[in-house]
């Protein structure tokens, strides 16, 4: 894959992350932001750590041994990326208040 192809793929993934963020925000509300406002950075670290631990589990357990079949490594990575972006947004909001 060329650098240009990677840059274009990055943009596609970023757009998909934004669509996922919008959809989940519509369905679930802003529970991440509300919790961050109450508990601060530790709340974000907790959610990111949960995804990290799930990633380790998915990466180290053979697929045929997994009972939960509807979450992939890619899904977990994308969720983690969104949590990181959401954390940056909350940190910026905190600084601007």
N, C-alpha and C. Protein backbone atom coordinates (compact mmCIF):
# COMPACT_ATOMS: atom_id res chain seq x y z
N UNK A 1 0.85 -1.18 0.00
CA UNK A 1 0.00 0.00 0.00
C UNK A 1 0.89 1.24 0.00
N UNK A 2 0.61 2.15 -0.88
CA UNK A 2 1.41 3.38 -0.96
C UNK A 2 1.04 4.32 0.17
N UNK A 3 1.88 5.33 0.36
CA UNK A 3 1.60 6.34 1.38
C UNK A 3 0.27 7.04 1.09
N UNK A 4 0.04 7.38 -0.16
CA UNK A 4 -1.21 8.05 -0.53
C UNK A 4 -2.42 7.16 -0.25
N UNK A 5 -2.30 5.88 -0.54
CA UNK A 5 -3.39 4.95 -0.24
C UNK A 5 -3.64 4.87 1.27
N UNK A 6 -2.56 4.88 2.04
CA UNK A 6 -2.71 4.84 3.50
C UNK A 6 -3.36 6.12 4.02
N UNK A 7 -2.97 7.26 3.47
CA UNK A 7 -3.58 8.53 3.88
C UNK A 7 -5.08 8.52 3.55
N UNK A 8 -5.43 8.04 2.38
CA UNK A 8 -6.84 7.96 1.99
C UNK A 8 -7.60 6.98 2.87
N UNK A 9 -6.98 5.86 3.20
CA UNK A 9 -7.64 4.88 4.07
C UNK A 9 -7.82 5.44 5.47
N UNK A 10 -6.84 6.20 5.94
CA UNK A 10 -6.93 6.85 7.25
C UNK A 10 -8.15 7.78 7.27
N UNK A 11 -8.32 8.55 6.21
CA UNK A 11 -9.46 9.46 6.12
C UNK A 11 -10.78 8.69 6.13
N UNK A 12 -10.84 7.60 5.41
CA UNK A 12 -12.06 6.77 5.39
C UNK A 12 -12.37 6.24 6.78
N UNK A 13 -11.35 5.77 7.48
CA UNK A 13 -11.55 5.25 8.84
C UNK A 13 -11.99 6.36 9.77
N UNK A 14 -11.37 7.54 9.65
CA UNK A 14 -11.75 8.68 10.50
C UNK A 14 -13.21 9.06 10.27
N UNK A 15 -13.65 9.04 9.02
CA UNK A 15 -15.06 9.34 8.72
C UNK A 15 -15.97 8.28 9.32
N UNK A 16 -15.57 7.02 9.22
CA UNK A 16 -16.36 5.94 9.80
C UNK A 16 -16.43 6.06 11.33
N UNK A 17 -15.32 6.45 11.95
CA UNK A 17 -15.31 6.68 13.40
C UNK A 17 -16.30 7.77 13.77
N UNK A 18 -16.33 8.84 12.97
CA UNK A 18 -17.24 9.95 13.23
C UNK A 18 -18.69 9.50 13.10
N UNK A 19 -18.98 8.69 12.09
CA UNK A 19 -20.35 8.18 11.91
C UNK A 19 -20.74 7.28 13.08
N UNK A 20 -19.82 6.43 13.52
CA UNK A 20 -20.08 5.56 14.67
C UNK A 20 -20.31 6.39 15.93
N UNK A 21 -19.48 7.41 16.13
CA UNK A 21 -19.62 8.32 17.27
C UNK A 21 -20.99 8.99 17.26
N UNK A 22 -21.42 9.47 16.10
CA UNK A 22 -22.71 10.13 15.96
C UNK A 22 -23.85 9.15 16.26
N UNK A 23 -23.78 7.96 15.70
CA UNK A 23 -24.84 6.97 15.90
C UNK A 23 -24.95 6.56 17.36
N UNK A 24 -23.81 6.28 17.98
CA UNK A 24 -23.85 5.87 19.39
C UNK A 24 -24.30 7.03 20.28
N UNK A 25 -23.89 8.24 19.95
CA UNK A 25 -24.35 9.41 20.71
C UNK A 25 -25.85 9.59 20.60
N UNK A 26 -26.39 9.34 19.43
CA UNK A 26 -27.83 9.42 19.23
C UNK A 26 -28.56 8.37 20.06
N UNK A 27 -28.05 7.14 20.04
CA UNK A 27 -28.71 6.05 20.74
C UNK A 27 -28.51 6.08 22.25
N UNK A 28 -27.30 6.44 22.70
CA UNK A 28 -26.95 6.32 24.11
C UNK A 28 -26.83 7.64 24.86
N UNK A 29 -26.86 8.75 24.16
CA UNK A 29 -26.64 10.04 24.81
C UNK A 29 -25.16 10.27 25.06
N UNK A 30 -24.85 11.25 25.87
CA UNK A 30 -23.45 11.63 26.12
C UNK A 30 -22.98 11.11 27.47
N UNK A 31 -23.15 9.82 27.71
CA UNK A 31 -22.76 9.27 29.01
C UNK A 31 -21.26 9.42 29.24
N UNK A 32 -20.45 9.31 28.18
CA UNK A 32 -19.00 9.47 28.33
C UNK A 32 -18.68 10.88 28.83
N UNK A 33 -19.25 11.89 28.17
CA UNK A 33 -18.99 13.28 28.57
C UNK A 33 -19.49 13.59 29.96
N UNK A 34 -20.67 13.09 30.28
CA UNK A 34 -21.24 13.33 31.61
C UNK A 34 -20.38 12.69 32.70
N UNK A 35 -19.93 11.47 32.45
CA UNK A 35 -19.08 10.79 33.43
C UNK A 35 -17.74 11.49 33.54
N UNK A 36 -17.18 11.94 32.42
CA UNK A 36 -15.92 12.67 32.44
C UNK A 36 -16.06 13.94 33.27
N UNK A 37 -17.16 14.65 33.11
CA UNK A 37 -17.36 15.89 33.87
C UNK A 37 -17.43 15.62 35.37
N UNK A 38 -17.99 14.48 35.75
CA UNK A 38 -18.10 14.13 37.17
C UNK A 38 -16.80 13.60 37.75
N UNK A 39 -16.11 12.72 36.99
CA UNK A 39 -14.97 11.98 37.55
C UNK A 39 -13.63 12.35 36.94
N UNK A 40 -13.63 13.10 35.84
CA UNK A 40 -12.38 13.53 35.23
C UNK A 40 -11.72 12.45 34.39
N UNK A 41 -10.43 12.63 34.19
CA UNK A 41 -9.64 11.80 33.27
C UNK A 41 -9.67 10.32 33.65
N UNK A 42 -9.85 10.02 34.93
CA UNK A 42 -9.85 8.62 35.35
C UNK A 42 -11.01 7.86 34.71
N UNK A 43 -12.12 8.54 34.45
CA UNK A 43 -13.26 7.86 33.80
C UNK A 43 -12.90 7.47 32.37
N UNK A 44 -12.18 8.32 31.67
CA UNK A 44 -11.74 7.99 30.31
C UNK A 44 -10.72 6.86 30.34
N UNK A 45 -9.79 6.96 31.27
CA UNK A 45 -8.77 5.91 31.40
C UNK A 45 -9.42 4.55 31.67
N UNK A 46 -10.47 4.54 32.46
CA UNK A 46 -11.17 3.29 32.76
C UNK A 46 -11.76 2.68 31.50
N UNK A 47 -12.45 3.49 30.70
CA UNK A 47 -13.06 2.96 29.48
C UNK A 47 -12.01 2.51 28.47
N UNK A 48 -10.95 3.29 28.33
CA UNK A 48 -9.87 2.91 27.40
C UNK A 48 -9.19 1.64 27.90
N UNK A 49 -8.99 1.53 29.20
CA UNK A 49 -8.37 0.33 29.77
C UNK A 49 -9.24 -0.90 29.55
N UNK A 50 -10.55 -0.74 29.68
CA UNK A 50 -11.45 -1.87 29.42
C UNK A 50 -11.29 -2.36 27.99
N UNK A 51 -11.21 -1.44 27.05
CA UNK A 51 -11.02 -1.82 25.64
C UNK A 51 -9.65 -2.45 25.43
N UNK A 52 -8.64 -1.92 26.09
CA UNK A 52 -7.29 -2.48 25.99
C UNK A 52 -7.27 -3.93 26.50
N UNK A 53 -7.91 -4.14 27.64
CA UNK A 53 -7.97 -5.49 28.19
C UNK A 53 -8.75 -6.43 27.28
N UNK A 54 -9.81 -5.93 26.68
CA UNK A 54 -10.57 -6.74 25.73
C UNK A 54 -9.70 -7.08 24.52
N UNK A 55 -8.92 -6.11 24.06
CA UNK A 55 -8.02 -6.33 22.93
C UNK A 55 -7.02 -7.44 23.25
N UNK A 56 -6.43 -7.40 24.42
CA UNK A 56 -5.48 -8.45 24.82
C UNK A 56 -6.18 -9.80 24.83
N UNK A 57 -7.36 -9.85 25.39
CA UNK A 57 -8.10 -11.11 25.44
C UNK A 57 -8.41 -11.63 24.04
N UNK A 58 -8.88 -10.76 23.17
CA UNK A 58 -9.21 -11.18 21.81
C UNK A 58 -7.96 -11.62 21.05
N UNK A 59 -6.85 -10.95 21.29
CA UNK A 59 -5.63 -11.25 20.55
C UNK A 59 -4.94 -12.51 21.04
N UNK A 60 -5.21 -12.91 22.26
CA UNK A 60 -4.50 -14.05 22.83
C UNK A 60 -5.34 -15.32 22.94
N UNK A 61 -6.66 -15.19 22.81
CA UNK A 61 -7.54 -16.36 22.91
C UNK A 61 -7.92 -16.80 21.50
N UNK A 62 -7.72 -18.06 21.19
CA UNK A 62 -8.11 -18.54 19.85
C UNK A 62 -9.59 -18.27 19.58
N UNK A 63 -9.90 -17.89 18.36
CA UNK A 63 -11.27 -17.52 18.00
C UNK A 63 -12.28 -18.62 18.31
N UNK A 64 -11.89 -19.86 18.11
CA UNK A 64 -12.83 -20.96 18.36
C UNK A 64 -13.14 -21.13 19.85
N UNK A 65 -12.32 -20.57 20.73
CA UNK A 65 -12.57 -20.65 22.17
C UNK A 65 -13.42 -19.50 22.69
N UNK A 66 -13.61 -18.48 21.88
CA UNK A 66 -14.38 -17.31 22.32
C UNK A 66 -15.87 -17.62 22.29
N UNK A 67 -16.56 -17.19 23.34
CA UNK A 67 -18.00 -17.36 23.39
C UNK A 67 -18.72 -16.14 22.82
N UNK A 68 -18.13 -14.95 22.99
CA UNK A 68 -18.70 -13.74 22.41
C UNK A 68 -18.18 -13.63 20.99
N UNK A 69 -19.08 -13.70 20.04
CA UNK A 69 -18.67 -13.75 18.63
C UNK A 69 -18.89 -12.43 17.89
N UNK A 70 -19.56 -11.47 18.54
CA UNK A 70 -19.95 -10.26 17.80
C UNK A 70 -19.01 -9.07 17.99
N UNK A 71 -17.85 -9.27 18.60
CA UNK A 71 -16.88 -8.19 18.72
C UNK A 71 -15.53 -8.68 18.21
N UNK A 72 -15.03 -7.96 17.23
CA UNK A 72 -13.76 -8.34 16.63
C UNK A 72 -12.64 -7.47 17.18
N UNK A 73 -11.42 -7.84 16.87
CA UNK A 73 -10.27 -7.02 17.23
C UNK A 73 -10.41 -5.64 16.59
N UNK A 74 -10.83 -5.61 15.33
CA UNK A 74 -10.99 -4.33 14.65
C UNK A 74 -12.05 -3.46 15.33
N UNK A 75 -13.18 -4.04 15.71
CA UNK A 75 -14.21 -3.29 16.43
C UNK A 75 -13.66 -2.68 17.71
N UNK A 76 -12.89 -3.48 18.43
CA UNK A 76 -12.31 -3.01 19.70
C UNK A 76 -11.33 -1.87 19.47
N UNK A 77 -10.49 -1.99 18.46
CA UNK A 77 -9.54 -0.92 18.14
C UNK A 77 -10.26 0.36 17.74
N UNK A 78 -11.32 0.24 16.95
CA UNK A 78 -12.07 1.43 16.54
C UNK A 78 -12.75 2.08 17.74
N UNK A 79 -13.33 1.27 18.63
CA UNK A 79 -13.93 1.82 19.85
C UNK A 79 -12.88 2.54 20.69
N UNK A 80 -11.71 1.93 20.81
CA UNK A 80 -10.64 2.54 21.59
C UNK A 80 -10.22 3.88 20.98
N UNK A 81 -10.12 3.92 19.66
CA UNK A 81 -9.76 5.16 18.98
C UNK A 81 -10.81 6.24 19.27
N UNK A 82 -12.08 5.87 19.21
CA UNK A 82 -13.12 6.86 19.49
C UNK A 82 -13.05 7.34 20.94
N UNK A 83 -12.80 6.44 21.88
CA UNK A 83 -12.66 6.86 23.27
C UNK A 83 -11.50 7.83 23.43
N UNK A 84 -10.41 7.61 22.73
CA UNK A 84 -9.27 8.52 22.81
C UNK A 84 -9.64 9.89 22.25
N UNK A 85 -10.34 9.92 21.13
CA UNK A 85 -10.77 11.20 20.54
C UNK A 85 -11.76 11.89 21.47
N UNK A 86 -12.70 11.14 22.03
CA UNK A 86 -13.67 11.71 22.95
C UNK A 86 -12.98 12.30 24.18
N UNK A 87 -11.92 11.67 24.62
CA UNK A 87 -11.16 12.18 25.76
C UNK A 87 -10.52 13.52 25.42
N UNK A 88 -9.95 13.62 24.24
CA UNK A 88 -9.36 14.89 23.80
C UNK A 88 -10.43 15.98 23.78
N UNK A 89 -11.62 15.66 23.27
CA UNK A 89 -12.72 16.63 23.22
C UNK A 89 -13.08 17.11 24.63
N UNK A 90 -13.19 16.17 25.56
CA UNK A 90 -13.54 16.54 26.95
C UNK A 90 -12.43 17.36 27.60
N UNK A 91 -11.17 17.02 27.33
CA UNK A 91 -10.06 17.79 27.88
C UNK A 91 -10.07 19.22 27.34
N UNK A 92 -10.35 19.36 26.04
CA UNK A 92 -10.43 20.70 25.45
C UNK A 92 -11.59 21.50 26.04
N UNK A 93 -12.73 20.84 26.23
CA UNK A 93 -13.88 21.51 26.83
C UNK A 93 -13.56 21.96 28.25
N UNK A 94 -12.86 21.10 28.97
CA UNK A 94 -12.48 21.42 30.36
C UNK A 94 -11.57 22.65 30.40
N UNK A 95 -10.62 22.71 29.48
CA UNK A 95 -9.72 23.87 29.42
C UNK A 95 -10.43 25.15 29.03
N UNK A 96 -11.46 25.02 28.20
CA UNK A 96 -12.17 26.21 27.71
C UNK A 96 -13.24 26.72 28.68
N UNK A 97 -13.53 25.93 29.70
CA UNK A 97 -14.54 26.37 30.70
C UNK A 97 -13.96 27.22 31.77
